[in-house]
């Protein structure tokens, strides 16, 4: 198990760095978006920004699957990158089909990748949730502001 962790460690660190980069870019871009619109964004802008955050985090997860597949190829476990990527995606997403199994020597890398993958999907989910909650908060503030404006106009008449 220690040997497998040592082999997986460079891949896990690479993936963590990649995930950190994707999260930082998403959050910075999202903050810039909010600042540019200052709470007056139309519905299509919210949808576009949320979609961009979801797409970026999903692409980050796909890239991590490809990094794991590269490790499997480097270890000589698969004859083609496509098969290695498929196996990696099954592990990373914790599907665990079991239709393709690595050799006994490297089989422990599957659960290690699954544990890593579920954590990375969790990080992606938290970024998407933060963005959605911010949209809800912004929309609620806009509605409250609109209600105050209507009350002030009604009081003046």
C-alpha atoms as a PDB file:
ATOM      1  CA  UNK A   1       0.000   0.000   0.000  1.00  0.00           C
ATOM      2  CA  UNK A   2       2.820   2.433   0.828  1.00  0.00           C
ATOM      3  CA  UNK A   3       4.479   1.659  -2.481  1.00  0.00           C
ATOM      4  CA  UNK A   4       1.240   2.386  -4.336  1.00  0.00           C
ATOM      5  CA  UNK A   5       0.810   5.660  -2.470  1.00  0.00           C
ATOM      6  CA  UNK A   6       4.364   6.653  -3.368  1.00  0.00           C
ATOM      7  CA  UNK A   7       3.709   5.884  -7.045  1.00  0.00           C
ATOM      8  CA  UNK A   8       0.382   7.772  -6.939  1.00  0.00           C
ATOM      9  CA  UNK A   9       1.725  10.757  -4.972  1.00  0.00           C
ATOM     10  CA  UNK A  10       3.161  12.731  -7.941  1.00  0.00           C
ATOM     11  CA  UNK A  11      -0.094  12.245  -9.848  1.00  0.00           C
ATOM     12  CA  UNK A  12      -2.194  13.246  -6.851  1.00  0.00           C
ATOM     13  CA  UNK A  13      -0.076  16.362  -6.298  1.00  0.00           C
ATOM     14  CA  UNK A  14      -0.294  17.289  -9.993  1.00  0.00           C
ATOM     15  CA  UNK A  15      -4.057  16.870  -9.886  1.00  0.00           C
ATOM     16  CA  UNK A  16      -4.348  18.901  -6.682  1.00  0.00           C
ATOM     17  CA  UNK A  17      -2.378  21.719  -8.282  1.00  0.00           C
ATOM     18  CA  UNK A  18      -4.560  21.552 -11.377  1.00  0.00           C
ATOM     19  CA  UNK A  19      -7.745  21.570  -9.285  1.00  0.00           C
ATOM     20  CA  UNK A  20      -6.414  24.508  -7.254  1.00  0.00           C
ATOM     21  CA  UNK A  21      -5.659  26.405 -10.461  1.00  0.00           C
ATOM     22  CA  UNK A  22      -9.133  25.733 -11.884  1.00  0.00           C
ATOM     23  CA  UNK A  23     -10.820  26.760  -8.622  1.00  0.00           C
ATOM     24  CA  UNK A  24      -8.753  29.940  -8.323  1.00  0.00           C
ATOM     25  CA  UNK A  25      -9.431  30.903 -11.948  1.00  0.00           C
ATOM     26  CA  UNK A  26     -13.152  30.227 -11.590  1.00  0.00           C
ATOM     27  CA  UNK A  27     -13.455  32.220  -8.377  1.00  0.00           C
ATOM     28  CA  UNK A  28     -11.403  35.143  -9.675  1.00  0.00           C
ATOM     29  CA  UNK A  29     -13.334  35.305 -12.917  1.00  0.00           C
ATOM     30  CA  UNK A  30     -16.622  34.993 -11.080  1.00  0.00           C
ATOM     31  CA  UNK A  31     -15.669  37.801  -8.664  1.00  0.00           C
ATOM     32  CA  UNK A  32     -14.652  40.003 -11.623  1.00  0.00           C
ATOM     33  CA  UNK A  33     -17.983  39.223 -13.311  1.00  0.00           C
ATOM     34  CA  UNK A  34     -19.925  40.238 -10.194  1.00  0.00           C
ATOM     35  CA  UNK A  35     -17.884  43.418  -9.819  1.00  0.00           C
ATOM     36  CA  UNK A  36     -18.385  44.399 -13.470  1.00  0.00           C
ATOM     37  CA  UNK A  37     -22.162  43.989 -13.307  1.00  0.00           C
ATOM     38  CA  UNK A  38     -22.511  45.293  -9.721  1.00  0.00           C
ATOM     39  CA  UNK A  39     -25.698  43.360  -9.064  1.00  0.00           C
ATOM     40  CA  UNK A  40     -27.463  44.442 -12.266  1.00  0.00           C
ATOM     41  CA  UNK A  41     -26.726  41.407 -14.419  1.00  0.00           C
ATOM     42  CA  UNK A  42     -29.485  40.023 -16.637  1.00  0.00           C
ATOM     43  CA  UNK A  43     -30.641  36.418 -16.319  1.00  0.00           C
ATOM     44  CA  UNK A  44     -28.642  35.298 -19.372  1.00  0.00           C
ATOM     45  CA  UNK A  45     -25.433  36.577 -17.754  1.00  0.00           C
ATOM     46  CA  UNK A  46     -26.053  34.540 -14.593  1.00  0.00           C
ATOM     47  CA  UNK A  47     -26.776  31.453 -16.674  1.00  0.00           C
ATOM     48  CA  UNK A  48     -23.667  31.986 -18.813  1.00  0.00           C
ATOM     49  CA  UNK A  49     -21.411  32.487 -15.794  1.00  0.00           C
ATOM     50  CA  UNK A  50     -22.781  29.477 -13.903  1.00  0.00           C
ATOM     51  CA  UNK A  51     -22.402  27.381 -17.051  1.00  0.00           C
ATOM     52  CA  UNK A  52     -18.804  28.558 -17.447  1.00  0.00           C
ATOM     53  CA  UNK A  53     -18.003  27.608 -13.837  1.00  0.00           C
ATOM     54  CA  UNK A  54     -19.566  24.162 -14.326  1.00  0.00           C
ATOM     55  CA  UNK A  55     -17.750  23.611 -17.614  1.00  0.00           C
ATOM     56  CA  UNK A  56     -14.384  24.719 -16.219  1.00  0.00           C
ATOM     57  CA  UNK A  57     -14.611  22.450 -13.182  1.00  0.00           C
ATOM     58  CA  UNK A  58     -15.778  19.529 -15.319  1.00  0.00           C
ATOM     59  CA  UNK A  59     -12.883  20.052 -17.748  1.00  0.00           C
ATOM     60  CA  UNK A  60     -10.527  20.178 -14.779  1.00  0.00           C
ATOM     61  CA  UNK A  61     -11.843  16.820 -13.610  1.00  0.00           C
ATOM     62  CA  UNK A  62     -11.514  15.347 -17.112  1.00  0.00           C
ATOM     63  CA  UNK A  63      -7.921  16.581 -17.270  1.00  0.00           C
ATOM     64  CA  UNK A  64      -7.215  14.840 -13.979  1.00  0.00           C
ATOM     65  CA  UNK A  65      -8.630  11.599 -15.361  1.00  0.00           C
ATOM     66  CA  UNK A  66      -6.233  11.965 -18.284  1.00  0.00           C
ATOM     67  CA  UNK A  67      -3.301  12.475 -15.897  1.00  0.00           C
ATOM     68  CA  UNK A  68      -4.203   9.260 -14.078  1.00  0.00           C
ATOM     69  CA  UNK A  69      -4.555   7.484 -17.428  1.00  0.00           C
ATOM     70  CA  UNK A  70      -1.054   8.692 -18.290  1.00  0.00           C
ATOM     71  CA  UNK A  71       0.257   7.045 -15.130  1.00  0.00           C
ATOM     72  CA  UNK A  72      -1.468   3.786 -16.070  1.00  0.00           C
ATOM     73  CA  UNK A  73       0.119   3.950 -19.522  1.00  0.00           C
ATOM     74  CA  UNK A  74       3.521   4.723 -17.999  1.00  0.00           C
ATOM     75  CA  UNK A  75       3.181   1.637 -15.799  1.00  0.00           C
ATOM     76  CA  UNK A  76       2.371  -0.473 -18.892  1.00  0.00           C
ATOM     77  CA  UNK A  77      -1.105  -1.431 -17.706  1.00  0.00           C
ATOM     78  CA  UNK A  78      -2.938  -0.620 -20.936  1.00  0.00           C
ATOM     79  CA  UNK A  79      -2.142  -0.861 -24.624  1.00  0.00           C
ATOM     80  CA  UNK A  80      -4.011   2.298 -25.631  1.00  0.00           C
ATOM     81  CA  UNK A  81      -4.634   5.656 -24.030  1.00  0.00           C
ATOM     82  CA  UNK A  82      -8.362   5.373 -24.758  1.00  0.00           C
ATOM     83  CA  UNK A  83      -8.695   2.242 -22.643  1.00  0.00           C
ATOM     84  CA  UNK A  84      -6.550   3.781 -19.895  1.00  0.00           C
ATOM     85  CA  UNK A  85      -8.714   6.922 -19.945  1.00  0.00           C
ATOM     86  CA  UNK A  86     -11.916   4.877 -19.780  1.00  0.00           C
ATOM     87  CA  UNK A  87     -10.561   2.893 -16.817  1.00  0.00           C
ATOM     88  CA  UNK A  88      -9.419   6.101 -15.150  1.00  0.00           C
ATOM     89  CA  UNK A  89     -12.841   7.731 -15.613  1.00  0.00           C
ATOM     90  CA  UNK A  90     -14.553   4.701 -14.073  1.00  0.00           C
ATOM     91  CA  UNK A  91     -12.211   4.898 -11.075  1.00  0.00           C
ATOM     92  CA  UNK A  92     -12.172   8.693 -10.714  1.00  0.00           C
ATOM     93  CA  UNK A  93     -15.959   8.940 -10.810  1.00  0.00           C
ATOM     94  CA  UNK A  94     -16.276   5.960  -8.434  1.00  0.00           C
ATOM     95  CA  UNK A  95     -18.483   4.025 -10.876  1.00  0.00           C
ATOM     96  CA  UNK A  96     -16.386   0.892 -10.412  1.00  0.00           C
ATOM     97  CA  UNK A  97     -17.789  -1.165 -13.301  1.00  0.00           C
ATOM     98  CA  UNK A  98     -15.076  -3.792 -12.976  1.00  0.00           C
ATOM     99  CA  UNK A  99     -15.124  -4.634 -16.688  1.00  0.00           C
ATOM    100  CA  UNK A 100     -11.448  -3.670 -16.945  1.00  0.00           C
ATOM    101  CA  UNK A 101      -9.154  -4.554 -14.077  1.00  0.00           C
ATOM    102  CA  UNK A 102      -5.505  -3.669 -13.667  1.00  0.00           C
ATOM    103  CA  UNK A 103      -2.886  -6.298 -12.867  1.00  0.00           C
ATOM    104  CA  UNK A 104      -2.566  -7.458  -9.265  1.00  0.00           C
ATOM    105  CA  UNK A 105       0.643  -5.433  -8.939  1.00  0.00           C
ATOM    106  CA  UNK A 106      -1.106  -2.088  -9.625  1.00  0.00           C
ATOM    107  CA  UNK A 107      -4.724  -2.866  -8.723  1.00  0.00           C
ATOM    108  CA  UNK A 108      -4.535  -0.781  -5.521  1.00  0.00           C
ATOM    109  CA  UNK A 109      -4.154   2.368  -7.637  1.00  0.00           C
ATOM    110  CA  UNK A 110      -7.853   2.068  -8.566  1.00  0.00           C
ATOM    111  CA  UNK A 111      -9.180   2.745  -5.051  1.00  0.00           C
ATOM    112  CA  UNK A 112      -6.558   5.442  -4.535  1.00  0.00           C
ATOM    113  CA  UNK A 113      -7.761   7.193  -7.703  1.00  0.00           C
ATOM    114  CA  UNK A 114     -11.389   6.738  -6.621  1.00  0.00           C
ATOM    115  CA  UNK A 115     -10.695   8.367  -3.241  1.00  0.00           C
ATOM    116  CA  UNK A 116      -8.880  11.196  -4.994  1.00  0.00           C
ATOM    117  CA  UNK A 117     -11.641  11.579  -7.582  1.00  0.00           C
ATOM    118  CA  UNK A 118     -14.481  11.785  -5.100  1.00  0.00           C
ATOM    119  CA  UNK A 119     -12.592  14.495  -3.213  1.00  0.00           C
ATOM    120  CA  UNK A 120     -11.997  16.448  -6.433  1.00  0.00           C
ATOM    121  CA  UNK A 121     -15.659  16.153  -7.449  1.00  0.00           C
ATOM    122  CA  UNK A 122     -16.479  17.428  -3.975  1.00  0.00           C
ATOM    123  CA  UNK A 123     -14.271  20.470  -4.472  1.00  0.00           C
ATOM    124  CA  UNK A 124     -15.874  21.084  -7.882  1.00  0.00           C
ATOM    125  CA  UNK A 125     -19.327  20.775  -6.337  1.00  0.00           C
ATOM    126  CA  UNK A 126     -18.437  23.264  -3.609  1.00  0.00           C
ATOM    127  CA  UNK A 127     -17.276  25.812  -6.199  1.00  0.00           C
ATOM    128  CA  UNK A 128     -20.487  25.396  -8.194  1.00  0.00           C
ATOM    129  CA  UNK A 129     -22.578  25.595  -5.015  1.00  0.00           C
ATOM    130  CA  UNK A 130     -20.828  28.804  -3.951  1.00  0.00           C
ATOM    131  CA  UNK A 131     -21.557  30.352  -7.353  1.00  0.00           C
ATOM    132  CA  UNK A 132     -25.225  29.300  -7.260  1.00  0.00           C
ATOM    133  CA  UNK A 133     -25.636  30.625  -3.706  1.00  0.00           C
ATOM    134  CA  UNK A 134     -24.094  33.915  -4.778  1.00  0.00           C
ATOM    135  CA  UNK A 135     -26.606  34.205  -7.624  1.00  0.00           C
ATOM    136  CA  UNK A 136     -29.450  33.504  -5.186  1.00  0.00           C
ATOM    137  CA  UNK A 137     -28.062  36.071  -2.724  1.00  0.00           C
ATOM    138  CA  UNK A 138     -27.633  38.664  -5.455  1.00  0.00           C
ATOM    139  CA  UNK A 139     -31.149  38.038  -6.785  1.00  0.00           C
ATOM    140  CA  UNK A 140     -32.647  38.308  -3.301  1.00  0.00           C
ATOM    141  CA  UNK A 141     -30.808  41.589  -2.700  1.00  0.00           C
ATOM    142  CA  UNK A 142     -32.043  42.923  -6.049  1.00  0.00           C
ATOM    143  CA  UNK A 143     -35.643  41.965  -5.199  1.00  0.00           C
ATOM    144  CA  UNK A 144     -35.346  43.606  -1.795  1.00  0.00           C
ATOM    145  CA  UNK A 145     -33.954  46.758  -3.394  1.00  0.00           C
ATOM    146  CA  UNK A 146     -36.800  46.774  -5.944  1.00  0.00           C
ATOM    147  CA  UNK A 147     -39.373  46.342  -3.150  1.00  0.00           C
ATOM    148  CA  UNK A 148     -37.867  49.265  -1.199  1.00  0.00           C
ATOM    149  CA  UNK A 149     -37.973  51.410  -4.332  1.00  0.00           C
ATOM    150  CA  UNK A 150     -41.652  50.618  -4.872  1.00  0.00           C
ATOM    151  CA  UNK A 151     -42.449  51.358  -1.234  1.00  0.00           C
ATOM    152  CA  UNK A 152     -40.678  54.714  -1.420  1.00  0.00           C
ATOM    153  CA  UNK A 153     -42.560  55.658  -4.606  1.00  0.00           C
ATOM    154  CA  UNK A 154     -45.882  54.623  -3.050  1.00  0.00           C
ATOM    155  CA  UNK A 155     -45.129  56.643   0.126  1.00  0.00           C
ATOM    156  CA  UNK A 156     -44.423  59.767  -1.945  1.00  0.00           C
ATOM    157  CA  UNK A 157     -47.893  59.681  -3.573  1.00  0.00           C
END
